[in-house]
C-alpha atoms as a PDB file:
ATOM      1  CA  MET A   1     -18.475 -12.791  55.593  1.00  0.00           C
ATOM      2  CA  PRO A   2     -16.145 -15.696  54.847  1.00  0.00           C
ATOM      3  CA  SER A   3     -14.058 -15.559  51.697  1.00  0.00           C
ATOM      4  CA  ILE A   4     -11.860 -18.046  49.889  1.00  0.00           C
ATOM      5  CA  LEU A   5      -8.565 -16.672  48.552  1.00  0.00           C
ATOM      6  CA  PHE A   6      -5.833 -18.224  46.428  1.00  0.00           C
ATOM      7  CA  ARG A   7      -2.755 -16.666  44.857  1.00  0.00           C
ATOM      8  CA  PHE A   8      -0.437 -18.671  42.657  1.00  0.00           C
ATOM      9  CA  ASP A   9       1.967 -18.381  39.738  1.00  0.00           C
ATOM     10  CA  VAL A  10       1.452 -20.054  36.390  1.00  0.00           C
ATOM     11  CA  ASP A  11       4.210 -20.658  33.856  1.00  0.00           C
ATOM     12  CA  ALA A  12       2.041 -19.409  30.981  1.00  0.00           C
ATOM     13  CA  VAL A  13       1.210 -15.950  29.654  1.00  0.00           C
ATOM     14  CA  PRO A  14      -1.967 -14.258  30.941  1.00  0.00           C
ATOM     15  CA  GLN A  15      -3.790 -14.761  27.636  1.00  0.00           C
ATOM     16  CA  THR A  16      -3.463 -18.543  28.018  1.00  0.00           C
ATOM     17  CA  VAL A  17      -4.865 -18.448  31.552  1.00  0.00           C
ATOM     18  CA  LEU A  18      -7.702 -16.118  30.542  1.00  0.00           C
ATOM     19  CA  GLU A  19      -8.621 -18.364  27.596  1.00  0.00           C
ATOM     20  CA  ALA A  20      -8.876 -21.281  30.031  1.00  0.00           C
ATOM     21  CA  LEU A  21     -11.311 -19.221  32.132  1.00  0.00           C
ATOM     22  CA  THR A  22     -13.438 -17.860  29.279  1.00  0.00           C
ATOM     23  CA  THR A  23     -13.761 -20.560  26.630  1.00  0.00           C
ATOM     24  CA  THR A  24     -15.690 -23.804  26.483  1.00  0.00           C
ATOM     25  CA  ASP A  25     -12.547 -25.823  25.713  1.00  0.00           C
ATOM     26  CA  GLY A  26     -10.746 -24.107  28.583  1.00  0.00           C
ATOM     27  CA  ILE A  27     -13.400 -24.679  31.260  1.00  0.00           C
ATOM     28  CA  LYS A  28     -13.865 -28.282  30.129  1.00  0.00           C
ATOM     29  CA  SER A  29     -10.109 -28.861  30.314  1.00  0.00           C
ATOM     30  CA  PHE A  30      -9.586 -28.025  33.987  1.00  0.00           C
ATOM     31  CA  TRP A  31     -12.958 -27.748  35.778  1.00  0.00           C
ATOM     32  CA  THR A  32     -15.858 -29.846  34.430  1.00  0.00           C
ATOM     33  CA  THR A  33     -16.652 -31.484  31.127  1.00  0.00           C
ATOM     34  CA  GLN A  34     -20.267 -30.308  31.436  1.00  0.00           C
ATOM     35  CA  ALA A  35     -20.052 -26.593  30.632  1.00  0.00           C
ATOM     36  CA  ASP A  36     -22.024 -24.046  28.647  1.00  0.00           C
ATOM     37  CA  VAL A  37     -19.754 -20.993  28.565  1.00  0.00           C
ATOM     38  CA  PRO A  38     -21.093 -17.464  27.934  1.00  0.00           C
ATOM     39  CA  ARG A  39     -19.782 -15.291  25.162  1.00  0.00           C
ATOM     40  CA  ALA A  40     -20.665 -11.911  26.683  1.00  0.00           C
ATOM     41  CA  VAL A  41     -21.028 -10.126  30.006  1.00  0.00           C
ATOM     42  CA  GLY A  42     -24.527 -10.661  31.397  1.00  0.00           C
ATOM     43  CA  GLU A  43     -24.823 -14.191  30.034  1.00  0.00           C
ATOM     44  CA  THR A  44     -24.709 -17.305  32.206  1.00  0.00           C
ATOM     45  CA  LEU A  45     -21.992 -19.910  32.663  1.00  0.00           C
ATOM     46  CA  THR A  46     -23.765 -23.212  33.345  1.00  0.00           C
ATOM     47  CA  LEU A  47     -21.706 -25.996  34.898  1.00  0.00           C
ATOM     48  CA  GLY A  48     -22.886 -29.559  35.401  1.00  0.00           C
ATOM     49  CA  PHE A  49     -21.460 -32.058  37.860  1.00  0.00           C
ATOM     50  CA  SER A  50     -22.406 -35.719  38.181  1.00  0.00           C
ATOM     51  CA  VAL A  51     -22.295 -35.345  41.985  1.00  0.00           C
ATOM     52  CA  ALA A  52     -24.680 -32.340  42.072  1.00  0.00           C
ATOM     53  CA  PRO A  53     -28.484 -32.527  41.749  1.00  0.00           C
ATOM     54  CA  ALA A  54     -28.661 -29.330  39.675  1.00  0.00           C
ATOM     55  CA  PRO A  55     -26.336 -27.262  37.499  1.00  0.00           C
ATOM     56  CA  PHE A  56     -24.419 -24.283  38.844  1.00  0.00           C
ATOM     57  CA  ASP A  57     -25.414 -21.030  37.097  1.00  0.00           C
ATOM     58  CA  LEU A  58     -22.926 -18.168  37.236  1.00  0.00           C
ATOM     59  CA  ARG A  59     -23.680 -14.833  35.532  1.00  0.00           C
ATOM     60  CA  LEU A  60     -20.627 -13.349  33.836  1.00  0.00           C
ATOM     61  CA  GLU A  61     -20.132  -9.905  35.378  1.00  0.00           C
ATOM     62  CA  GLN A  62     -16.718  -8.974  33.957  1.00  0.00           C
ATOM     63  CA  SER A  63     -14.407 -10.353  31.325  1.00  0.00           C
ATOM     64  CA  ASP A  64     -11.479  -8.348  30.026  1.00  0.00           C
ATOM     65  CA  ASP A  65      -7.723  -8.649  29.499  1.00  0.00           C
ATOM     66  CA  ARG A  66      -7.093  -9.019  33.248  1.00  0.00           C
ATOM     67  CA  THR A  67     -10.248 -10.045  35.135  1.00  0.00           C
ATOM     68  CA  VAL A  68     -13.010 -12.637  34.921  1.00  0.00           C
ATOM     69  CA  ALA A  69     -15.835 -12.309  37.471  1.00  0.00           C
ATOM     70  CA  TRP A  70     -19.055 -14.241  38.000  1.00  0.00           C
ATOM     71  CA  ARG A  71     -22.034 -13.999  40.385  1.00  0.00           C
ATOM     72  CA  THR A  72     -23.716 -17.245  41.438  1.00  0.00           C
ATOM     73  CA  GLU A  73     -27.419 -17.196  40.591  1.00  0.00           C
ATOM     74  CA  THR A  74     -29.318 -20.377  41.473  1.00  0.00           C
ATOM     75  CA  PHE A  75     -27.333 -23.284  42.856  1.00  0.00           C
ATOM     76  CA  PRO A  76     -25.913 -24.425  45.211  1.00  0.00           C
ATOM     77  CA  PRO A  77     -28.056 -22.560  47.769  1.00  0.00           C
ATOM     78  CA  HIS A  78     -25.154 -21.461  50.012  1.00  0.00           C
ATOM     79  CA  TRP A  79     -23.435 -19.976  46.950  1.00  0.00           C
ATOM     80  CA  VAL A  80     -26.362 -17.885  45.657  1.00  0.00           C
ATOM     81  CA  GLY A  81     -25.289 -14.248  45.480  1.00  0.00           C
ATOM     82  CA  THR A  82     -21.614 -15.009  46.044  1.00  0.00           C
ATOM     83  CA  THR A  83     -19.011 -13.618  43.666  1.00  0.00           C
ATOM     84  CA  ILE A  84     -16.106 -15.424  42.062  1.00  0.00           C
ATOM     85  CA  ARG A  85     -13.264 -13.317  40.683  1.00  0.00           C
ATOM     86  CA  TRP A  86     -10.038 -14.186  38.903  1.00  0.00           C
ATOM     87  CA  ASP A  87      -7.363 -11.517  38.341  1.00  0.00           C
ATOM     88  CA  VAL A  88      -4.493 -12.463  36.044  1.00  0.00           C
ATOM     89  CA  GLU A  89      -1.410 -10.342  35.480  1.00  0.00           C
ATOM     90  CA  ALA A  90       1.912 -10.820  33.730  1.00  0.00           C
ATOM     91  CA  ARG A  91       4.822 -11.712  35.989  1.00  0.00           C
ATOM     92  CA  ASP A  92       8.329 -12.901  35.093  1.00  0.00           C
ATOM     93  CA  GLY A  93       7.354 -14.352  31.709  1.00  0.00           C
ATOM     94  CA  GLY A  94       4.299 -16.084  33.174  1.00  0.00           C
ATOM     95  CA  SER A  95       1.237 -15.091  35.152  1.00  0.00           C
ATOM     96  CA  ALA A  96       0.259 -14.297  38.707  1.00  0.00           C
ATOM     97  CA  VAL A  97      -3.301 -15.427  39.423  1.00  0.00           C
ATOM     98  CA  SER A  98      -5.417 -14.091  42.287  1.00  0.00           C
ATOM     99  CA  PHE A  99      -8.701 -15.840  43.003  1.00  0.00           C
ATOM    100  CA  ARG A 100     -11.500 -14.773  45.374  1.00  0.00           C
ATOM    101  CA  HIS A 101     -14.837 -16.367  46.184  1.00  0.00           C
ATOM    102  CA  ASP A 102     -16.660 -13.807  48.360  1.00  0.00           C
ATOM    103  CA  GLY A 103     -20.009 -13.385  50.007  1.00  0.00           C
ATOM    104  CA  PHE A 104     -20.665 -16.622  51.861  1.00  0.00           C
ATOM    105  CA  SER A 105     -23.078 -16.113  54.746  1.00  0.00           C
ATOM    106  CA  ASP A 106     -21.474 -16.231  58.165  1.00  0.00           C
ATOM    107  CA  ASP A 107     -22.755 -19.743  58.846  1.00  0.00           C
ATOM    108  CA  ALA A 108     -21.943 -21.211  55.441  1.00  0.00           C
ATOM    109  CA  ASP A 109     -19.390 -23.972  55.283  1.00  0.00           C
ATOM    110  CA  ALA A 110     -16.810 -22.423  52.969  1.00  0.00           C
ATOM    111  CA  GLY A 111     -14.310 -25.114  53.982  1.00  0.00           C
ATOM    112  CA  HIS A 112     -15.642 -27.746  51.599  1.00  0.00           C
ATOM    113  CA  ALA A 113     -15.740 -25.206  48.776  1.00  0.00           C
ATOM    114  CA  ALA A 114     -12.172 -24.118  49.580  1.00  0.00           C
ATOM    115  CA  PHE A 115     -10.912 -27.686  49.331  1.00  0.00           C
ATOM    116  CA  THR A 116     -12.599 -28.131  45.949  1.00  0.00           C
ATOM    117  CA  TRP A 117     -11.356 -24.751  44.693  1.00  0.00           C
ATOM    118  CA  GLY A 118      -7.828 -25.824  45.642  1.00  0.00           C
ATOM    119  CA  GLN A 119      -8.147 -28.877  43.415  1.00  0.00           C
ATOM    120  CA  ILE A 120      -9.504 -26.712  40.600  1.00  0.00           C
ATOM    121  CA  MET A 121      -6.557 -24.280  40.923  1.00  0.00           C
ATOM    122  CA  VAL A 122      -4.078 -27.149  40.568  1.00  0.00           C
ATOM    123  CA  GLN A 123      -5.806 -28.322  37.383  1.00  0.00           C
ATOM    124  CA  LEU A 124      -6.049 -24.786  35.946  1.00  0.00           C
ATOM    125  CA  LYS A 125      -2.304 -24.366  36.471  1.00  0.00           C
ATOM    126  CA  HIS A 126      -1.609 -27.778  34.927  1.00  0.00           C
ATOM    127  CA  TYR A 127      -3.770 -27.087  31.877  1.00  0.00           C
ATOM    128  CA  ALA A 128      -2.407 -23.573  31.277  1.00  0.00           C
ATOM    129  CA  GLU A 129       1.190 -24.784  31.545  1.00  0.00           C
ATOM    130  CA  THR A 130       0.917 -27.998  29.530  1.00  0.00           C
ATOM    131  CA  GLY A 131      -2.186 -27.728  27.337  1.00  0.00           C
ATOM    132  CA  ASN A 132      -3.171 -31.205  28.573  1.00  0.00           C
ATOM    133  CA  PRO A 133      -6.785 -31.415  29.759  1.00  0.00           C
ATOM    134  CA  ALA A 134      -7.426 -32.997  33.156  1.00  0.00           C
ATOM    135  CA  PRO A 135     -10.709 -31.631  34.555  1.00  0.00           C
ATOM    136  CA  VAL A 136     -11.508 -32.120  38.224  1.00  0.00           C
ATOM    137  CA  PHE A 137     -15.028 -33.252  37.292  1.00  0.00           C
ATOM    138  CA  ALA A 138     -15.059 -35.500  34.233  1.00  0.00           C
END
């Protein structure tokens, strides 16, 4: 099954990166301004995009001092059942971030998603390092 993988360094401590991934202000500052962010494991992250006909619903599966993981529930169809995982660890005064989006069916076009995820990674890094919001989807 195709997977999307990214590894990159961020000049910010892990707590800053994790707050970007787990708070409403964080998600809205690098990903999309239309976000309803869960507070607890088992709840759903709902993301809206002006270019999408329906919101993306991601169930929070793990959130701790190192990992944030979601499972896609309803939309887009080729994402349903896929998992998205961020691992953040301290490295040289900053953070090392590993990202995986797993579980695409063999015939799914992960290429478009990979391109978009690359843009999102750049904005996550920018936001964590500067504190200046610049979401990919505003």
